[in-house]
């Protein structure tokens, strides 16, 4: 029976791989309008500027607006690329349009080396430390010791952590935005959205001595034309010496379980767990990575927990990027052949 089950699971996985396109291509258009703030106030805007990598091509970038200053910058800590625009106090209309073509490949994790190669932890310090809201403390270390007990290699430990997160967390649809990734709260109540569940995975990996990071991005549309303003998403990666960054998405496992009303022991759940361990579909692009971000030029407020949503300040005070009445912007998708 067990052999039949895994045969069916493999067939389901193969069918999904076959049904999912190798890549998706389209145009993303972001429109910002901060004109509703009165004259006499200085307005500053930052937003992630996606760049090409092994799995995504970003081309034909266009920027238009009536801002007084604007430019492409990189923040220093992680090297994330961003666009910065500024309107002076005499401005009454404050608009900006940012568009680009995006082509994203199906990310399939290829087999990693059976023998673990040597590596220098000093090269990955930033991906082994905790953050303000997700400290790698003794509580986290004690928990992960139980999870990875008996596991020797980095992939074995990371797989055990991934399975634990998939099994022991849940998606809470009432969570605002993508979640804060407040680890101390999440260890007491492991419910949230993608930034919460990805943070649990990343923090446990780091506590186990495995370099790991959250990837912040946005989902692309599956229709010819679609509003994707609320499509922000976070997934995770861990580092395997001799392989590179291995991508997983425990948050989407829990999301699909909720949508399909699946329990942990359902066959389809086992398939989802395997699917998001072996790869992620192409309907998303990476925007940034990292926690506790100081933008460039620096924002007036404290460091950002993470930089995925656009960020703006009016006279040095941050605007709530999840409140449409305060921060007006839309993101549209139009597919291409």
C-alpha atoms as a PDB file:
ATOM      1  CA  UNK A   1       0.000   0.000   0.000  1.00  0.00           C
ATOM      2  CA  UNK A   2       2.804   2.382   0.882  1.00  0.00           C
ATOM      3  CA  UNK A   3       4.429   1.792  -2.510  1.00  0.00           C
ATOM      4  CA  UNK A   4       1.127   2.490  -4.290  1.00  0.00           C
ATOM      5  CA  UNK A   5       0.679   5.693  -2.282  1.00  0.00           C
ATOM      6  CA  UNK A   6       4.085   7.059  -3.210  1.00  0.00           C
ATOM      7  CA  UNK A   7       3.527   6.048  -6.846  1.00  0.00           C
ATOM      8  CA  UNK A   8       0.298   8.066  -6.888  1.00  0.00           C
ATOM      9  CA  UNK A   9       2.083  10.954  -5.164  1.00  0.00           C
ATOM     10  CA  UNK A  10       4.826  10.918  -7.779  1.00  0.00           C
ATOM     11  CA  UNK A  11       2.246  10.879 -10.579  1.00  0.00           C
ATOM     12  CA  UNK A  12       0.376  13.838  -9.063  1.00  0.00           C
ATOM     13  CA  UNK A  13       3.636  15.749  -8.763  1.00  0.00           C
ATOM     14  CA  UNK A  14       4.572  14.936 -12.369  1.00  0.00           C
ATOM     15  CA  UNK A  15       1.128  16.020 -13.628  1.00  0.00           C
ATOM     16  CA  UNK A  16       1.418  19.356 -11.833  1.00  0.00           C
ATOM     17  CA  UNK A  17       4.918  19.898 -13.188  1.00  0.00           C
ATOM     18  CA  UNK A  18       3.591  19.183 -16.651  1.00  0.00           C
ATOM     19  CA  UNK A  19       0.545  21.461 -16.219  1.00  0.00           C
ATOM     20  CA  UNK A  20       2.561  24.394 -14.826  1.00  0.00           C
ATOM     21  CA  UNK A  21       4.222  26.474 -17.562  1.00  0.00           C
ATOM     22  CA  UNK A  22       8.004  26.624 -17.729  1.00  0.00           C
ATOM     23  CA  UNK A  23       7.803  30.399 -17.557  1.00  0.00           C
ATOM     24  CA  UNK A  24       5.357  33.299 -17.466  1.00  0.00           C
ATOM     25  CA  UNK A  25       5.877  36.665 -19.096  1.00  0.00           C
ATOM     26  CA  UNK A  26       4.108  39.983 -18.786  1.00  0.00           C
ATOM     27  CA  UNK A  27       4.173  43.654 -17.884  1.00  0.00           C
ATOM     28  CA  UNK A  28       3.932  44.918 -14.302  1.00  0.00           C
ATOM     29  CA  UNK A  29       2.770  48.509 -13.840  1.00  0.00           C
ATOM     30  CA  UNK A  30       2.885  50.276 -10.481  1.00  0.00           C
ATOM     31  CA  UNK A  31       1.084  53.594 -10.089  1.00  0.00           C
ATOM     32  CA  UNK A  32       1.563  55.809  -7.042  1.00  0.00           C
ATOM     33  CA  UNK A  33      -0.528  58.870  -6.206  1.00  0.00           C
ATOM     34  CA  UNK A  34       0.264  60.847  -3.056  1.00  0.00           C
ATOM     35  CA  UNK A  35      -1.487  64.023  -4.211  1.00  0.00           C
ATOM     36  CA  UNK A  36      -4.087  63.904  -1.424  1.00  0.00           C
ATOM     37  CA  UNK A  37      -1.539  65.226   1.082  1.00  0.00           C
ATOM     38  CA  UNK A  38      -1.759  69.041   1.293  1.00  0.00           C
ATOM     39  CA  UNK A  39       0.745  71.492  -0.120  1.00  0.00           C
ATOM     40  CA  UNK A  40       3.530  72.448   2.241  1.00  0.00           C
ATOM     41  CA  UNK A  41       4.608  68.917   3.056  1.00  0.00           C
ATOM     42  CA  UNK A  42       7.707  67.122   1.829  1.00  0.00           C
ATOM     43  CA  UNK A  43       6.884  63.632   0.508  1.00  0.00           C
ATOM     44  CA  UNK A  44       9.435  60.856  -0.030  1.00  0.00           C
ATOM     45  CA  UNK A  45       8.833  57.467  -1.661  1.00  0.00           C
ATOM     46  CA  UNK A  46      10.896  54.281  -1.827  1.00  0.00           C
ATOM     47  CA  UNK A  47       9.942  51.009  -3.515  1.00  0.00           C
ATOM     48  CA  UNK A  48      11.815  47.797  -4.453  1.00  0.00           C
ATOM     49  CA  UNK A  49      13.359  47.820  -7.916  1.00  0.00           C
ATOM     50  CA  UNK A  50      13.410  44.200  -9.168  1.00  0.00           C
ATOM     51  CA  UNK A  51      16.462  43.009 -11.067  1.00  0.00           C
ATOM     52  CA  UNK A  52      17.286  40.035 -13.250  1.00  0.00           C
ATOM     53  CA  UNK A  53      18.721  36.850 -11.793  1.00  0.00           C
ATOM     54  CA  UNK A  54      18.978  33.164 -12.690  1.00  0.00           C
ATOM     55  CA  UNK A  55      15.203  32.721 -12.625  1.00  0.00           C
ATOM     56  CA  UNK A  56      13.801  36.078 -13.696  1.00  0.00           C
ATOM     57  CA  UNK A  57      14.456  38.600 -16.456  1.00  0.00           C
ATOM     58  CA  UNK A  58      13.501  42.222 -15.800  1.00  0.00           C
ATOM     59  CA  UNK A  59      13.606  44.417 -18.917  1.00  0.00           C
ATOM     60  CA  UNK A  60      12.115  47.520 -20.529  1.00  0.00           C
ATOM     61  CA  UNK A  61      11.957  49.497 -17.276  1.00  0.00           C
ATOM     62  CA  UNK A  62      10.045  52.776 -17.531  1.00  0.00           C
ATOM     63  CA  UNK A  63       9.644  55.483 -14.884  1.00  0.00           C
ATOM     64  CA  UNK A  64       7.571  58.636 -15.228  1.00  0.00           C
ATOM     65  CA  UNK A  65       6.224  61.234 -12.820  1.00  0.00           C
ATOM     66  CA  UNK A  66       6.443  64.807 -11.588  1.00  0.00           C
ATOM     67  CA  UNK A  67       8.871  64.207  -8.715  1.00  0.00           C
ATOM     68  CA  UNK A  68      11.680  66.705  -8.132  1.00  0.00           C
ATOM     69  CA  UNK A  69      14.351  64.115  -7.380  1.00  0.00           C
ATOM     70  CA  UNK A  70      14.564  60.448  -8.312  1.00  0.00           C
ATOM     71  CA  UNK A  71      17.060  57.656  -8.849  1.00  0.00           C
ATOM     72  CA  UNK A  72      18.056  54.037  -8.489  1.00  0.00           C
ATOM     73  CA  UNK A  73      19.943  53.167  -5.302  1.00  0.00           C
ATOM     74  CA  UNK A  74      21.206  50.117  -3.404  1.00  0.00           C
ATOM     75  CA  UNK A  75      20.877  49.707   0.356  1.00  0.00           C
ATOM     76  CA  UNK A  76      24.134  48.684   2.019  1.00  0.00           C
ATOM     77  CA  UNK A  77      23.240  45.738   4.231  1.00  0.00           C
ATOM     78  CA  UNK A  78      21.941  43.272   1.631  1.00  0.00           C
ATOM     79  CA  UNK A  79      22.455  45.159  -1.616  1.00  0.00           C
ATOM     80  CA  UNK A  80      18.741  45.367  -2.413  1.00  0.00           C
ATOM     81  CA  UNK A  81      18.050  47.709  -5.326  1.00  0.00           C
ATOM     82  CA  UNK A  82      15.374  50.374  -4.878  1.00  0.00           C
ATOM     83  CA  UNK A  83      13.956  53.466  -6.492  1.00  0.00           C
ATOM     84  CA  UNK A  84      13.707  56.707  -4.548  1.00  0.00           C
ATOM     85  CA  UNK A  85      11.559  59.722  -5.444  1.00  0.00           C
ATOM     86  CA  UNK A  86      11.011  63.014  -3.647  1.00  0.00           C
ATOM     87  CA  UNK A  87       8.483  65.842  -3.972  1.00  0.00           C
ATOM     88  CA  UNK A  88       9.227  69.217  -2.377  1.00  0.00           C
ATOM     89  CA  UNK A  89       6.835  71.272  -0.240  1.00  0.00           C
ATOM     90  CA  UNK A  90       5.548  73.262  -3.214  1.00  0.00           C
ATOM     91  CA  UNK A  91       4.147  70.178  -4.953  1.00  0.00           C
ATOM     92  CA  UNK A  92       0.387  69.755  -5.135  1.00  0.00           C
ATOM     93  CA  UNK A  93       0.355  66.764  -7.442  1.00  0.00           C
ATOM     94  CA  UNK A  94       2.563  63.794  -6.638  1.00  0.00           C
ATOM     95  CA  UNK A  95       2.372  60.908  -9.104  1.00  0.00           C
ATOM     96  CA  UNK A  96       4.793  58.242 -10.292  1.00  0.00           C
ATOM     97  CA  UNK A  97       4.420  55.300 -12.681  1.00  0.00           C
ATOM     98  CA  UNK A  98       6.897  52.423 -12.717  1.00  0.00           C
ATOM     99  CA  UNK A  99       6.587  49.608 -15.248  1.00  0.00           C
ATOM    100  CA  UNK A 100       8.727  46.727 -16.451  1.00  0.00           C
ATOM    101  CA  UNK A 101       8.576  43.488 -18.385  1.00  0.00           C
ATOM    102  CA  UNK A 102       9.015  40.377 -16.237  1.00  0.00           C
ATOM    103  CA  UNK A 103       9.772  36.861 -17.389  1.00  0.00           C
ATOM    104  CA  UNK A 104       9.951  34.293 -14.615  1.00  0.00           C
ATOM    105  CA  UNK A 105      11.053  30.652 -14.922  1.00  0.00           C
ATOM    106  CA  UNK A 106       9.707  27.674 -13.033  1.00  0.00           C
ATOM    107  CA  UNK A 107      12.247  27.278 -10.223  1.00  0.00           C
ATOM    108  CA  UNK A 108      13.051  23.583  -9.891  1.00  0.00           C
ATOM    109  CA  UNK A 109      15.601  22.626  -7.251  1.00  0.00           C
ATOM    110  CA  UNK A 110      18.127  20.280  -8.800  1.00  0.00           C
ATOM    111  CA  UNK A 111      19.776  17.431  -6.794  1.00  0.00           C
ATOM    112  CA  UNK A 112      22.238  18.633  -4.172  1.00  0.00           C
ATOM    113  CA  UNK A 113      25.592  16.908  -3.461  1.00  0.00           C
ATOM    114  CA  UNK A 114      25.386  13.784  -1.302  1.00  0.00           C
ATOM    115  CA  UNK A 115      28.667  14.665   0.387  1.00  0.00           C
ATOM    116  CA  UNK A 116      28.682  17.940   2.300  1.00  0.00           C
ATOM    117  CA  UNK A 117      31.499  20.229   1.239  1.00  0.00           C
ATOM    118  CA  UNK A 118      33.502  22.412   3.593  1.00  0.00           C
ATOM    119  CA  UNK A 119      32.456  26.048   3.992  1.00  0.00           C
ATOM    120  CA  UNK A 120      33.336  29.124   5.995  1.00  0.00           C
ATOM    121  CA  UNK A 121      30.593  30.376   8.317  1.00  0.00           C
ATOM    122  CA  UNK A 122      32.184  33.829   8.360  1.00  0.00           C
ATOM    123  CA  UNK A 123      31.078  34.216   4.737  1.00  0.00           C
ATOM    124  CA  UNK A 124      27.432  33.855   5.831  1.00  0.00           C
ATOM    125  CA  UNK A 125      27.360  35.786   9.110  1.00  0.00           C
ATOM    126  CA  UNK A 126      24.454  37.944   8.037  1.00  0.00           C
ATOM    127  CA  UNK A 127      22.356  34.851   7.250  1.00  0.00           C
ATOM    128  CA  UNK A 128      23.077  33.169  10.590  1.00  0.00           C
ATOM    129  CA  UNK A 129      22.110  36.064  12.871  1.00  0.00           C
ATOM    130  CA  UNK A 130      18.663  36.867  14.175  1.00  0.00           C
ATOM    131  CA  UNK A 131      16.763  40.104  13.610  1.00  0.00           C
ATOM    132  CA  UNK A 132      14.951  42.477  15.975  1.00  0.00           C
ATOM    133  CA  UNK A 133      11.641  40.620  15.700  1.00  0.00           C
ATOM    134  CA  UNK A 134      13.180  37.187  15.138  1.00  0.00           C
ATOM    135  CA  UNK A 135      16.086  36.679  17.565  1.00  0.00           C
ATOM    136  CA  UNK A 136      18.031  33.429  17.462  1.00  0.00           C
ATOM    137  CA  UNK A 137      17.952  32.876  21.217  1.00  0.00           C
ATOM    138  CA  UNK A 138      18.178  29.871  23.520  1.00  0.00           C
ATOM    139  CA  UNK A 139      14.461  29.122  23.232  1.00  0.00           C
ATOM    140  CA  UNK A 140      14.773  28.837  19.452  1.00  0.00           C
ATOM    141  CA  UNK A 141      17.973  26.782  19.728  1.00  0.00           C
ATOM    142  CA  UNK A 142      16.418  24.307  22.178  1.00  0.00           C
ATOM    143  CA  UNK A 143      13.425  23.842  19.907  1.00  0.00           C
ATOM    144  CA  UNK A 144      15.503  23.223  16.802  1.00  0.00           C
ATOM    145  CA  UNK A 145      17.730  20.733  18.647  1.00  0.00           C
ATOM    146  CA  UNK A 146      14.660  18.537  19.089  1.00  0.00           C
ATOM    147  CA  UNK A 147      13.565  19.004  15.488  1.00  0.00           C
ATOM    148  CA  UNK A 148      16.918  18.061  13.898  1.00  0.00           C
ATOM    149  CA  UNK A 149      17.933  15.393  16.402  1.00  0.00           C
ATOM    150  CA  UNK A 150      19.715  12.570  14.587  1.00  0.00           C
ATOM    151  CA  UNK A 151      20.118  14.574  11.374  1.00  0.00           C
ATOM    152  CA  UNK A 152      23.676  15.134  10.179  1.00  0.00           C
ATOM    153  CA  UNK A 153      23.816  17.095   6.924  1.00  0.00           C
ATOM    154  CA  UNK A 154      22.472  20.555   6.137  1.00  0.00           C
ATOM    155  CA  UNK A 155      19.795  19.237   3.705  1.00  0.00           C
ATOM    156  CA  UNK A 156      18.634  16.644   6.266  1.00  0.00           C
ATOM    157  CA  UNK A 157      18.332  19.260   8.994  1.00  0.00           C
ATOM    158  CA  UNK A 158      16.636  21.779   6.713  1.00  0.00           C
ATOM    159  CA  UNK A 159      14.153  19.144   5.487  1.00  0.00           C
ATOM    160  CA  UNK A 160      13.288  18.255   9.100  1.00  0.00           C
ATOM    161  CA  UNK A 161      12.725  21.950   9.876  1.00  0.00           C
ATOM    162  CA  UNK A 162      10.640  22.405   6.722  1.00  0.00           C
ATOM    163  CA  UNK A 163       8.422  19.441   7.616  1.00  0.00           C
ATOM    164  CA  UNK A 164       8.041  20.694  11.192  1.00  0.00           C
ATOM    165  CA  UNK A 165       6.957  24.149   9.982  1.00  0.00           C
ATOM    166  CA  UNK A 166       4.518  22.674   7.459  1.00  0.00           C
ATOM    167  CA  UNK A 167       2.997  20.426  10.122  1.00  0.00           C
ATOM    168  CA  UNK A 168       2.964  22.680  13.194  1.00  0.00           C
ATOM    169  CA  UNK A 169       1.940  26.078  11.848  1.00  0.00           C
ATOM    170  CA  UNK A 170      -1.278  27.337  10.295  1.00  0.00           C
ATOM    171  CA  UNK A 171      -2.385  30.129   8.004  1.00  0.00           C
ATOM    172  CA  UNK A 172      -4.347  32.824   9.780  1.00  0.00           C
ATOM    173  CA  UNK A 173      -6.345  34.786   7.165  1.00  0.00           C
ATOM    174  CA  UNK A 174      -6.973  37.583   9.700  1.00  0.00           C
ATOM    175  CA  UNK A 175      -3.275  38.466   9.810  1.00  0.00           C
ATOM    176  CA  UNK A 176      -2.671  41.974   8.472  1.00  0.00           C
ATOM    177  CA  UNK A 177      -0.695  42.075   5.238  1.00  0.00           C
ATOM    178  CA  UNK A 178       1.887  39.310   5.021  1.00  0.00           C
ATOM    179  CA  UNK A 179       2.567  39.350   8.768  1.00  0.00           C
ATOM    180  CA  UNK A 180       5.395  40.855  10.813  1.00  0.00           C
ATOM    181  CA  UNK A 181       7.411  37.712  11.472  1.00  0.00           C
ATOM    182  CA  UNK A 182       7.341  38.298  15.237  1.00  0.00           C
ATOM    183  CA  UNK A 183       9.037  35.068  16.269  1.00  0.00           C
ATOM    184  CA  UNK A 184       8.415  35.326  20.021  1.00  0.00           C
ATOM    185  CA  UNK A 185       4.680  35.569  19.367  1.00  0.00           C
ATOM    186  CA  UNK A 186       4.754  32.890  16.691  1.00  0.00           C
ATOM    187  CA  UNK A 187       6.398  30.327  18.972  1.00  0.00           C
ATOM    188  CA  UNK A 188       3.398  30.716  21.301  1.00  0.00           C
ATOM    189  CA  UNK A 189       0.797  30.849  18.529  1.00  0.00           C
ATOM    190  CA  UNK A 190       2.266  29.651  15.187  1.00  0.00           C
ATOM    191  CA  UNK A 191      -0.418  31.174  12.999  1.00  0.00           C
ATOM    192  CA  UNK A 192       0.044  33.877  10.414  1.00  0.00           C
ATOM    193  CA  UNK A 193       0.753  34.488   6.763  1.00  0.00           C
ATOM    194  CA  UNK A 194       3.742  34.063   4.480  1.00  0.00           C
ATOM    195  CA  UNK A 195       6.218  36.425   6.194  1.00  0.00           C
ATOM    196  CA  UNK A 196       5.391  34.783   9.538  1.00  0.00           C
ATOM    197  CA  UNK A 197       5.814  31.170   8.431  1.00  0.00           C
ATOM    198  CA  UNK A 198       8.900  31.911   6.335  1.00  0.00           C
ATOM    199  CA  UNK A 199      10.441  33.672   9.350  1.00  0.00           C
ATOM    200  CA  UNK A 200       9.874  30.598  11.516  1.00  0.00           C
ATOM    201  CA  UNK A 201      11.642  28.412   8.946  1.00  0.00           C
ATOM    202  CA  UNK A 202      14.528  30.851   8.469  1.00  0.00           C
ATOM    203  CA  UNK A 203      15.013  31.403  12.211  1.00  0.00           C
ATOM    204  CA  UNK A 204      15.044  27.690  12.990  1.00  0.00           C
ATOM    205  CA  UNK A 205      17.551  27.082  10.196  1.00  0.00           C
ATOM    206  CA  UNK A 206      19.826  29.807  11.542  1.00  0.00           C
ATOM    207  CA  UNK A 207      19.548  28.410  15.058  1.00  0.00           C
ATOM    208  CA  UNK A 208      20.675  25.059  13.617  1.00  0.00           C
ATOM    209  CA  UNK A 209      23.719  26.722  12.026  1.00  0.00           C
ATOM    210  CA  UNK A 210      22.253  26.762   8.512  1.00  0.00           C
ATOM    211  CA  UNK A 211      22.448  30.034   6.515  1.00  0.00           C
ATOM    212  CA  UNK A 212      18.910  31.021   5.548  1.00  0.00           C
ATOM    213  CA  UNK A 213      16.963  34.048   4.353  1.00  0.00           C
ATOM    214  CA  UNK A 214      13.472  35.242   3.519  1.00  0.00           C
ATOM    215  CA  UNK A 215      12.731  36.211  -0.088  1.00  0.00           C
ATOM    216  CA  UNK A 216      10.206  39.014  -0.476  1.00  0.00           C
ATOM    217  CA  UNK A 217       8.345  39.367  -3.739  1.00  0.00           C
ATOM    218  CA  UNK A 218       5.029  39.698  -5.485  1.00  0.00           C
ATOM    219  CA  UNK A 219       2.835  37.162  -7.248  1.00  0.00           C
ATOM    220  CA  UNK A 220       2.266  37.609 -10.964  1.00  0.00           C
ATOM    221  CA  UNK A 221      -1.193  37.266 -12.457  1.00  0.00           C
ATOM    222  CA  UNK A 222      -2.589  34.047 -13.905  1.00  0.00           C
ATOM    223  CA  UNK A 223      -5.111  35.944 -16.037  1.00  0.00           C
ATOM    224  CA  UNK A 224      -4.381  38.016 -19.148  1.00  0.00           C
ATOM    225  CA  UNK A 225      -5.014  41.193 -17.155  1.00  0.00           C
ATOM    226  CA  UNK A 226      -5.170  41.358 -13.368  1.00  0.00           C
ATOM    227  CA  UNK A 227      -4.849  43.645 -10.345  1.00  0.00           C
ATOM    228  CA  UNK A 228      -2.011  42.227  -8.209  1.00  0.00           C
ATOM    229  CA  UNK A 229      -1.790  45.045  -5.643  1.00  0.00           C
ATOM    230  CA  UNK A 230      -2.487  42.604  -2.815  1.00  0.00           C
ATOM    231  CA  UNK A 231      -0.263  39.871  -4.252  1.00  0.00           C
ATOM    232  CA  UNK A 232       2.836  40.392  -2.111  1.00  0.00           C
ATOM    233  CA  UNK A 233       4.390  37.119  -0.975  1.00  0.00           C
ATOM    234  CA  UNK A 234       7.351  35.814   1.029  1.00  0.00           C
ATOM    235  CA  UNK A 235       9.145  32.475   0.703  1.00  0.00           C
ATOM    236  CA  UNK A 236      12.492  31.137   1.957  1.00  0.00           C
ATOM    237  CA  UNK A 237      15.927  29.817   1.023  1.00  0.00           C
ATOM    238  CA  UNK A 238      18.691  27.976   2.839  1.00  0.00           C
ATOM    239  CA  UNK A 239      22.284  27.520   1.740  1.00  0.00           C
ATOM    240  CA  UNK A 240      23.880  24.171   0.827  1.00  0.00           C
ATOM    241  CA  UNK A 241      27.680  24.235   0.347  1.00  0.00           C
ATOM    242  CA  UNK A 242      28.572  23.141  -3.173  1.00  0.00           C
ATOM    243  CA  UNK A 243      25.006  23.781  -4.349  1.00  0.00           C
ATOM    244  CA  UNK A 244      23.933  27.303  -3.475  1.00  0.00           C
ATOM    245  CA  UNK A 245      20.588  28.644  -2.309  1.00  0.00           C
ATOM    246  CA  UNK A 246      17.824  26.040  -2.125  1.00  0.00           C
ATOM    247  CA  UNK A 247      14.285  27.461  -2.361  1.00  0.00           C
ATOM    248  CA  UNK A 248      11.257  26.266  -0.359  1.00  0.00           C
ATOM    249  CA  UNK A 249       7.815  27.646   0.472  1.00  0.00           C
ATOM    250  CA  UNK A 250       6.179  26.214   3.618  1.00  0.00           C
ATOM    251  CA  UNK A 251       3.760  29.162   3.709  1.00  0.00           C
ATOM    252  CA  UNK A 252       2.136  28.142   0.431  1.00  0.00           C
ATOM    253  CA  UNK A 253       1.705  24.613   1.762  1.00  0.00           C
ATOM    254  CA  UNK A 254      -0.381  25.974   4.634  1.00  0.00           C
ATOM    255  CA  UNK A 255      -2.226  28.391   2.338  1.00  0.00           C
ATOM    256  CA  UNK A 256      -3.296  25.590   0.000  1.00  0.00           C
ATOM    257  CA  UNK A 257      -4.231  23.394   2.939  1.00  0.00           C
ATOM    258  CA  UNK A 258      -6.551  26.133   4.182  1.00  0.00           C
ATOM    259  CA  UNK A 259      -8.067  26.823   0.747  1.00  0.00           C
ATOM    260  CA  UNK A 260      -8.679  23.120   0.098  1.00  0.00           C
ATOM    261  CA  UNK A 261      -9.622  22.330   3.720  1.00  0.00           C
ATOM    262  CA  UNK A 262      -6.928  19.670   3.976  1.00  0.00           C
ATOM    263  CA  UNK A 263      -5.621  17.972   7.101  1.00  0.00           C
ATOM    264  CA  UNK A 264      -1.994  17.006   7.657  1.00  0.00           C
ATOM    265  CA  UNK A 265      -2.689  13.342   6.881  1.00  0.00           C
ATOM    266  CA  UNK A 266      -4.476  13.925   3.578  1.00  0.00           C
ATOM    267  CA  UNK A 267      -2.727  12.559   0.483  1.00  0.00           C
ATOM    268  CA  UNK A 268      -2.938  15.905  -1.282  1.00  0.00           C
ATOM    269  CA  UNK A 269      -1.136  17.550   1.638  1.00  0.00           C
ATOM    270  CA  UNK A 270       1.783  15.142   1.227  1.00  0.00           C
ATOM    271  CA  UNK A 271       1.915  16.095  -2.426  1.00  0.00           C
ATOM    272  CA  UNK A 272       1.918  19.838  -1.615  1.00  0.00           C
ATOM    273  CA  UNK A 273       4.703  19.373   0.935  1.00  0.00           C
ATOM    274  CA  UNK A 274       6.794  17.587  -1.686  1.00  0.00           C
ATOM    275  CA  UNK A 275       5.969  20.123  -4.398  1.00  0.00           C
ATOM    276  CA  UNK A 276       7.088  23.159  -2.388  1.00  0.00           C
ATOM    277  CA  UNK A 277      10.220  21.369  -1.246  1.00  0.00           C
ATOM    278  CA  UNK A 278      11.272  20.609  -4.811  1.00  0.00           C
ATOM    279  CA  UNK A 279      10.464  23.962  -6.395  1.00  0.00           C
ATOM    280  CA  UNK A 280       8.150  26.932  -6.778  1.00  0.00           C
ATOM    281  CA  UNK A 281       5.888  27.846  -9.694  1.00  0.00           C
ATOM    282  CA  UNK A 282       6.826  30.822 -11.928  1.00  0.00           C
ATOM    283  CA  UNK A 283       3.945  33.113 -10.890  1.00  0.00           C
ATOM    284  CA  UNK A 284       6.112  35.349  -8.716  1.00  0.00           C
ATOM    285  CA  UNK A 285       9.147  37.614  -8.862  1.00  0.00           C
ATOM    286  CA  UNK A 286      11.752  38.414  -6.237  1.00  0.00           C
ATOM    287  CA  UNK A 287      11.893  42.011  -4.996  1.00  0.00           C
ATOM    288  CA  UNK A 288      14.274  41.913  -2.027  1.00  0.00           C
ATOM    289  CA  UNK A 289      15.657  39.975   0.908  1.00  0.00           C
ATOM    290  CA  UNK A 290      16.705  40.621   4.504  1.00  0.00           C
ATOM    291  CA  UNK A 291      15.437  42.173   7.734  1.00  0.00           C
ATOM    292  CA  UNK A 292      16.097  45.421   9.631  1.00  0.00           C
ATOM    293  CA  UNK A 293      16.662  47.516   6.525  1.00  0.00           C
ATOM    294  CA  UNK A 294      18.013  51.063   6.334  1.00  0.00           C
ATOM    295  CA  UNK A 295      17.025  52.464   2.961  1.00  0.00           C
ATOM    296  CA  UNK A 296      19.167  54.577   0.657  1.00  0.00           C
ATOM    297  CA  UNK A 297      18.740  57.527   0.993  1.00  0.00           C
ATOM    298  CA  UNK A 298      18.003  56.719   4.672  1.00  0.00           C
ATOM    299  CA  UNK A 299      14.458  56.992   5.963  1.00  0.00           C
ATOM    300  CA  UNK A 300      13.786  59.213   8.976  1.00  0.00           C
ATOM    301  CA  UNK A 301      12.174  56.453  10.988  1.00  0.00           C
ATOM    302  CA  UNK A 302      13.755  53.334  12.503  1.00  0.00           C
ATOM    303  CA  UNK A 303      14.946  50.513  10.245  1.00  0.00           C
ATOM    304  CA  UNK A 304      12.284  48.632   8.305  1.00  0.00           C
ATOM    305  CA  UNK A 305      11.389  45.129   9.475  1.00  0.00           C
ATOM    306  CA  UNK A 306      11.578  44.129   5.805  1.00  0.00           C
ATOM    307  CA  UNK A 307      11.390  45.950   2.467  1.00  0.00           C
ATOM    308  CA  UNK A 308       8.735  44.407   0.249  1.00  0.00           C
ATOM    309  CA  UNK A 309       5.899  46.918   0.210  1.00  0.00           C
ATOM    310  CA  UNK A 310       6.557  50.488  -0.992  1.00  0.00           C
ATOM    311  CA  UNK A 311       7.478  52.869   1.810  1.00  0.00           C
ATOM    312  CA  UNK A 312       6.738  56.603   2.048  1.00  0.00           C
ATOM    313  CA  UNK A 313       7.130  59.467   4.492  1.00  0.00           C
ATOM    314  CA  UNK A 314       5.291  62.783   4.758  1.00  0.00           C
ATOM    315  CA  UNK A 315       7.391  65.381   6.592  1.00  0.00           C
ATOM    316  CA  UNK A 316       9.487  62.528   7.992  1.00  0.00           C
ATOM    317  CA  UNK A 317       6.514  60.518   9.295  1.00  0.00           C
ATOM    318  CA  UNK A 318       5.888  57.060   7.766  1.00  0.00           C
ATOM    319  CA  UNK A 319       2.639  56.314   5.935  1.00  0.00           C
ATOM    320  CA  UNK A 320       0.851  53.032   6.626  1.00  0.00           C
ATOM    321  CA  UNK A 321       1.469  51.089   3.390  1.00  0.00           C
ATOM    322  CA  UNK A 322      -1.465  48.794   4.158  1.00  0.00           C
ATOM    323  CA  UNK A 323      -3.979  51.656   4.428  1.00  0.00           C
ATOM    324  CA  UNK A 324      -5.226  52.586   0.908  1.00  0.00           C
ATOM    325  CA  UNK A 325      -6.785  55.817   2.134  1.00  0.00           C
ATOM    326  CA  UNK A 326      -3.350  57.010   3.307  1.00  0.00           C
ATOM    327  CA  UNK A 327      -1.082  55.385   0.736  1.00  0.00           C
ATOM    328  CA  UNK A 328      -2.633  55.217  -2.737  1.00  0.00           C
ATOM    329  CA  UNK A 329      -1.022  52.845  -5.197  1.00  0.00           C
ATOM    330  CA  UNK A 330      -2.036  50.067  -7.581  1.00  0.00           C
ATOM    331  CA  UNK A 331      -0.090  47.262  -9.248  1.00  0.00           C
ATOM    332  CA  UNK A 332      -1.432  45.789 -12.490  1.00  0.00           C
ATOM    333  CA  UNK A 333      -0.390  42.755 -14.508  1.00  0.00           C
ATOM    334  CA  UNK A 334      -0.769  42.189 -18.250  1.00  0.00           C
ATOM    335  CA  UNK A 335       0.414  38.875 -19.645  1.00  0.00           C
ATOM    336  CA  UNK A 336       2.560  38.495 -22.764  1.00  0.00           C
ATOM    337  CA  UNK A 337       3.048  35.466 -25.033  1.00  0.00           C
END
